[in-house]
Protein backbone atom coordinates (compact mmCIF):
# COMPACT_ATOMS: atom_id res chain seq x y z
CA MET A 1 6.80 37.10 -27.78
CA PRO A 2 3.40 38.05 -29.19
CA ALA A 3 0.46 37.33 -26.93
CA PRO A 4 -1.16 34.78 -29.32
CA MET A 5 2.09 32.84 -29.59
CA LYS A 6 2.56 32.89 -25.81
CA LYS A 7 -0.98 31.54 -25.29
CA PHE A 8 -0.29 28.77 -27.80
CA PHE A 9 2.84 27.54 -25.97
CA THR A 10 1.00 27.71 -22.59
CA VAL A 11 -1.79 25.47 -23.89
CA LEU A 12 0.83 23.15 -25.40
CA LEU A 13 2.66 22.88 -22.09
CA VAL A 14 -0.56 22.06 -20.19
CA LEU A 15 -1.41 19.32 -22.66
CA ALA A 16 2.07 17.86 -22.32
CA LEU A 17 1.77 17.83 -18.52
CA ILE A 18 -1.62 16.07 -18.71
CA ALA A 19 -0.18 13.47 -21.11
CA LEU A 20 2.77 12.80 -18.81
CA ALA A 21 0.50 12.45 -15.76
CA THR A 22 -1.71 9.98 -17.68
CA ILE A 23 1.30 7.84 -18.67
CA LEU A 24 2.60 7.74 -15.09
CA LEU A 25 -0.81 6.82 -13.71
CA TRP A 26 -1.24 4.07 -16.30
CA ARG A 27 2.11 2.56 -15.32
CA ALA A 28 1.26 2.62 -11.62
CA THR A 29 -2.10 0.89 -12.10
CA PRO A 30 -1.85 -2.95 -11.84
CA SER A 31 -3.16 -5.05 -14.71
CA LEU A 32 -5.90 -7.63 -14.22
CA SER A 33 -3.30 -10.38 -14.13
CA ASP A 34 -1.60 -8.68 -11.19
CA LEU A 35 -4.76 -8.50 -9.09
CA PRO A 36 -5.35 -11.16 -6.41
CA THR A 37 -7.86 -13.86 -7.28
CA GLY A 38 -10.11 -16.10 -5.21
CA PRO A 39 -12.17 -15.31 -2.11
CA LYS A 40 -10.89 -12.90 0.45
CA PRO A 41 -9.73 -14.46 3.69
CA PRO A 42 -12.45 -14.36 6.33
CA THR A 43 -12.28 -11.62 8.87
CA ARG A 44 -11.79 -13.13 12.32
CA ASN A 45 -14.51 -12.10 14.74
CA ALA A 46 -13.18 -11.65 18.24
CA ALA A 47 -16.28 -13.36 19.63
CA GLU A 48 -15.50 -16.50 17.54
CA GLU A 49 -11.95 -17.03 18.67
CA PRO A 50 -11.22 -20.71 19.40
CA PRO A 51 -12.34 -21.43 22.94
CA VAL A 52 -10.40 -22.67 25.89
CA LEU A 53 -12.01 -25.67 27.60
CA HIS A 54 -11.45 -26.88 31.11
CA VAL A 55 -11.02 -30.22 32.83
CA GLY A 56 -11.24 -29.28 36.46
CA SER A 57 -8.48 -26.74 37.13
CA THR A 58 -6.53 -27.62 33.95
CA VAL A 59 -7.06 -25.85 30.64
CA LEU A 60 -7.42 -27.29 27.19
CA PRO A 61 -7.10 -24.69 24.42
CA LEU A 62 -8.52 -25.52 21.00
CA SER A 63 -7.03 -24.71 17.60
CA ALA A 64 -8.81 -22.83 14.85
CA ALA A 65 -10.04 -26.25 13.62
CA LEU A 66 -11.66 -26.71 17.09
CA ASP A 67 -9.55 -29.65 18.16
CA GLY A 68 -6.99 -30.01 20.90
CA SER A 69 -5.44 -32.37 23.38
CA ARG A 70 -3.81 -32.40 26.83
CA GLU A 71 -1.66 -35.24 28.12
CA ASP A 72 0.34 -35.92 31.25
CA ALA A 73 1.86 -38.98 32.82
CA TYR A 74 -1.49 -40.42 33.87
CA THR A 75 -4.24 -38.95 31.69
CA LYS A 76 -4.89 -37.97 28.05
CA VAL A 77 -7.83 -35.83 26.93
CA THR A 78 -8.61 -35.10 23.26
CA VAL A 79 -11.37 -32.91 21.83
CA GLN A 80 -12.64 -32.60 18.24
CA LEU A 81 -15.63 -30.35 17.66
CA GLU A 82 -17.52 -29.55 14.48
CA ASN A 83 -17.86 -25.80 13.93
CA PRO A 84 -21.50 -24.93 14.81
CA GLY A 85 -21.52 -21.82 12.64
CA PRO A 86 -21.24 -18.07 13.27
CA GLY A 87 -22.51 -16.91 16.65
CA ASN A 88 -22.95 -20.41 18.05
CA LEU A 89 -19.41 -21.27 19.17
CA SER A 90 -19.83 -19.93 22.71
CA LEU A 91 -22.94 -22.11 23.17
CA VAL A 92 -21.05 -25.22 22.14
CA ALA A 93 -18.00 -24.34 24.27
CA ASP A 94 -20.23 -23.94 27.34
CA PHE A 95 -21.85 -27.31 26.58
CA ALA A 96 -18.48 -29.03 26.16
CA ASP A 97 -17.19 -27.47 29.39
CA ASP A 98 -20.21 -28.71 31.29
CA ILE A 99 -19.63 -32.27 30.01
CA LEU A 100 -15.88 -32.19 30.76
CA SER A 101 -16.55 -30.99 34.29
CA GLY A 102 -18.17 -34.33 35.03
CA TYR A 103 -14.88 -36.10 34.35
CA ALA A 104 -12.62 -33.76 36.38
CA ASP A 105 -12.08 -36.18 39.27
CA ALA A 106 -10.50 -38.78 36.95
CA PHE A 107 -8.79 -36.49 34.41
CA ASP A 108 -7.57 -33.45 36.37
CA PRO A 109 -4.02 -34.51 37.45
CA THR A 110 -4.12 -32.07 40.39
CA ARG A 111 -6.91 -34.16 41.93
CA LEU A 112 -5.15 -37.51 41.64
CA SER A 113 -3.76 -38.95 44.88
CA ALA A 114 -0.66 -41.14 45.00
CA GLU A 115 -2.93 -44.16 45.28
CA ASP A 116 -4.86 -43.02 42.19
CA GLN A 117 -1.62 -42.70 40.25
CA GLN A 118 -0.56 -46.23 41.17
CA ILE A 119 -3.94 -47.61 40.09
CA ILE A 120 -3.79 -45.80 36.75
CA ALA A 121 -0.22 -46.93 36.08
CA ALA A 122 -1.24 -50.52 36.75
CA SER A 123 -4.33 -50.38 34.49
CA ALA A 124 -4.44 -52.17 31.14
CA ALA A 125 -3.70 -48.97 29.15
CA GLY A 126 -1.33 -47.47 31.74
CA LYS A 127 -3.22 -44.20 31.34
CA TYR A 128 -6.77 -42.90 31.61
CA THR A 129 -8.11 -41.61 28.29
CA LEU A 130 -11.02 -39.41 27.32
CA ASP A 131 -12.13 -38.45 23.82
CA LEU A 132 -14.83 -35.84 23.24
CA VAL A 133 -16.34 -35.47 19.78
CA GLY A 134 -19.01 -32.96 18.79
CA LYS A 135 -21.30 -32.75 15.80
CA LYS A 136 -24.01 -30.28 14.76
CA THR A 137 -27.33 -31.51 13.35
CA ALA A 138 -29.90 -29.29 11.67
CA GLY A 139 -33.63 -29.39 12.47
CA LEU A 140 -36.47 -27.60 10.80
CA GLY A 141 -37.13 -23.84 10.87
CA GLY A 142 -33.57 -22.92 11.70
CA ARG A 143 -33.49 -25.04 14.86
CA TRP A 144 -30.34 -27.03 15.47
CA SER A 145 -28.83 -29.49 17.88
CA TYR A 146 -25.33 -30.33 19.05
CA ARG A 147 -24.43 -33.93 19.85
CA LEU A 148 -21.44 -34.65 22.08
CA GLU A 149 -20.04 -38.17 22.58
CA VAL A 150 -17.52 -39.10 25.20
CA ALA A 151 -15.46 -42.27 25.01
CA SER A 152 -13.50 -42.79 28.20
CA TYR A 153 -11.37 -45.43 29.89
CA THR A 154 -10.83 -45.27 33.62
CA GLY A 155 -9.71 -48.80 34.30
CA GLY A 156 -11.55 -52.11 34.27
CA ALA A 157 -12.34 -54.48 31.45
CA HIS A 158 -13.75 -51.91 29.08
CA GLY A 159 -14.33 -48.23 28.62
CA SER A 160 -17.47 -46.16 28.63
CA PHE A 161 -19.39 -44.38 25.83
CA VAL A 162 -21.90 -41.62 26.67
CA VAL A 163 -23.85 -39.33 24.34
CA SER A 164 -25.23 -35.95 25.41
CA ALA A 165 -27.11 -33.38 23.34
CA ARG A 166 -28.58 -29.89 23.50
CA SER A 167 -30.94 -28.18 21.08
CA TYR A 168 -31.37 -24.53 20.22
CA SER A 169 -33.66 -22.16 18.36
CA GLN A 170 -32.38 -20.19 15.39
CA GLY A 171 -31.63 -17.33 17.79
CA GLY A 172 -29.58 -19.58 20.11
CA ASP A 173 -32.15 -20.10 22.90
CA ALA A 174 -32.15 -23.55 24.53
CA LEU A 175 -35.11 -25.69 23.50
CA SER A 176 -37.12 -27.83 25.88
CA LEU A 177 -38.63 -31.13 24.78
CA ALA A 178 -42.05 -29.52 24.76
CA GLU A 179 -40.84 -26.69 22.57
CA ALA A 180 -39.12 -29.05 20.19
CA THR A 181 -42.13 -31.28 19.77
CA GLY A 182 -44.90 -28.67 20.05
CA LEU A 183 -46.63 -30.82 22.69
CA ARG A 184 -47.59 -29.66 26.13
CA ASP A 185 -46.84 -33.10 27.57
CA PRO A 186 -44.57 -34.90 25.10
CA LEU A 187 -43.27 -37.77 27.23
CA THR A 188 -46.12 -40.24 26.72
CA ALA A 189 -46.35 -39.58 22.98
CA LEU A 190 -42.61 -39.87 22.58
CA ALA A 191 -42.38 -43.07 24.66
CA ASN A 192 -45.17 -44.70 22.69
CA ALA A 193 -43.46 -43.90 19.39
CA VAL A 194 -39.92 -44.79 20.45
CA LYS A 195 -40.39 -47.93 22.51
CA PRO A 196 -41.38 -50.34 19.70
CA ARG A 197 -38.55 -49.07 17.48
CA LEU A 198 -36.06 -49.50 20.30
CA LEU A 199 -37.33 -53.04 20.98
CA ASP A 200 -36.81 -53.96 17.34
CA ALA A 201 -33.27 -52.56 17.47
CA VAL A 202 -32.40 -54.52 20.62
CA ILE A 203 -33.85 -57.74 19.24
CA SER A 204 -31.86 -57.30 16.02
CA LYS A 205 -28.65 -56.63 17.94
CA THR A 206 -29.14 -59.60 20.26
CA ARG A 207 -29.84 -61.87 17.28
CA GLY A 208 -26.75 -60.54 15.53
CA GLN A 209 -24.62 -61.36 18.55
CA GLY A 210 -25.91 -64.95 18.57
CA GLY A 211 -27.75 -64.46 21.85
CA GLU A 212 -31.04 -65.94 22.98
CA ALA A 213 -34.32 -64.41 21.80
CA TYR A 214 -34.69 -61.07 23.62
CA GLN A 215 -37.70 -60.38 25.80
CA PRO A 216 -38.20 -56.93 27.37
CA ASP A 217 -37.61 -57.13 31.10
CA GLU A 218 -37.88 -54.74 34.06
CA ASP A 219 -34.72 -52.92 33.01
CA PHE A 220 -36.06 -52.29 29.51
CA ASN A 221 -39.51 -51.26 30.64
CA GLY A 222 -38.11 -49.08 33.41
CA GLY A 223 -35.59 -47.39 31.07
CA THR A 224 -38.27 -46.59 28.48
CA ALA A 225 -41.01 -45.39 30.87
CA PRO A 226 -42.29 -41.88 30.00
CA THR A 227 -40.16 -39.94 32.51
CA SER A 228 -38.10 -36.79 31.98
CA GLU A 229 -34.96 -38.71 33.06
CA ASN A 230 -35.42 -41.44 30.48
CA TYR A 231 -35.99 -38.89 27.67
CA SER A 232 -33.48 -36.27 28.76
CA THR A 233 -31.06 -36.95 25.90
CA TRP A 234 -32.38 -36.17 22.44
CA TYR A 235 -31.51 -34.07 19.38
CA LEU A 236 -33.12 -32.79 16.20
CA ASP A 237 -32.13 -34.23 12.83
CA GLY A 238 -34.10 -32.90 9.90
CA GLY A 239 -37.79 -33.62 10.58
CA ASP A 240 -36.98 -36.25 13.18
CA ILE A 241 -36.34 -36.16 16.91
CA VAL A 242 -33.70 -38.68 17.92
CA VAL A 243 -33.85 -40.12 21.46
CA VAL A 244 -30.64 -41.49 22.96
CA PHE A 245 -30.58 -44.49 25.30
CA ASN A 246 -27.11 -44.62 26.76
CA GLN A 247 -25.31 -47.71 28.05
CA TYR A 248 -26.99 -49.37 31.00
CA GLN A 249 -30.22 -47.38 30.61
CA ILE A 250 -32.24 -50.32 29.36
CA GLY A 251 -30.10 -53.23 30.53
CA SER A 252 -26.62 -54.66 30.60
CA TYR A 253 -23.47 -53.26 28.96
CA ALA A 254 -23.90 -55.78 26.16
CA LEU A 255 -27.14 -54.06 25.03
CA GLY A 256 -25.06 -50.92 24.35
CA GLU A 257 -26.22 -47.49 23.33
CA HIS A 258 -29.12 -46.86 21.01
CA GLU A 259 -30.37 -43.78 19.15
CA ILE A 260 -33.97 -44.00 17.90
CA GLY A 261 -35.41 -41.39 15.54
CA VAL A 262 -39.11 -40.68 14.99
CA PRO A 263 -40.73 -38.07 12.77
CA LEU A 264 -41.91 -35.07 14.77
CA ALA A 265 -45.03 -34.96 12.64
CA SER A 266 -46.06 -38.42 13.88
CA LEU A 267 -46.17 -37.17 17.50
CA ARG A 268 -48.79 -34.51 16.86
């Protein structure tokens, strides 16, 4: 075969091979309709795995939705937490564990004596119950708080309701009351701002219950005095600081629990 003719067939063969490879590649490439749509599933961070909480020596694992329960013949514990956001779950889990530890004597079945079991079985509900609910609130400048409420029944005519809270900087450091308010000695300023609002709330509640006109007494004045104990439970909510007065802090069970918010700007 003459050299020019041989060169022609070589070029033709190369072009045919390129065309074949292009066709095969085109068939192997998915069309747009075949591609997955929607957001990619989040990558699970090992540090953000659902925590395991504890009630005394017993464990209470939480689901990915941050809820869980544990029940035995005498006690039932349920937990429902709002996700505090990336990097904050361990802080909230530690907080919840601290709160649950205070109920271990009544809700850890390994600590219940035979007498305890008889008392629980004879109670109105036939079982002690504890419900823990958590919610995150956002303050200003990236600060945030986490509010935990515990409703429990351990016998008697009624149960108990207690609110606890912790506040953090954007970086996850715990905030003191002085740091949250920007005041060196915030207790007096906070008490002066909160007390009249609380009194109005108590008067309104008492009137709504059909009770006699409420007058602040020693319990009320003692429970609102500017001490670190009286103002130990608070959280940030927008530009406000909310002070919690739990049951029995300012008087009888009938007065209940109150949460009074005041603008941080008004304290300075």
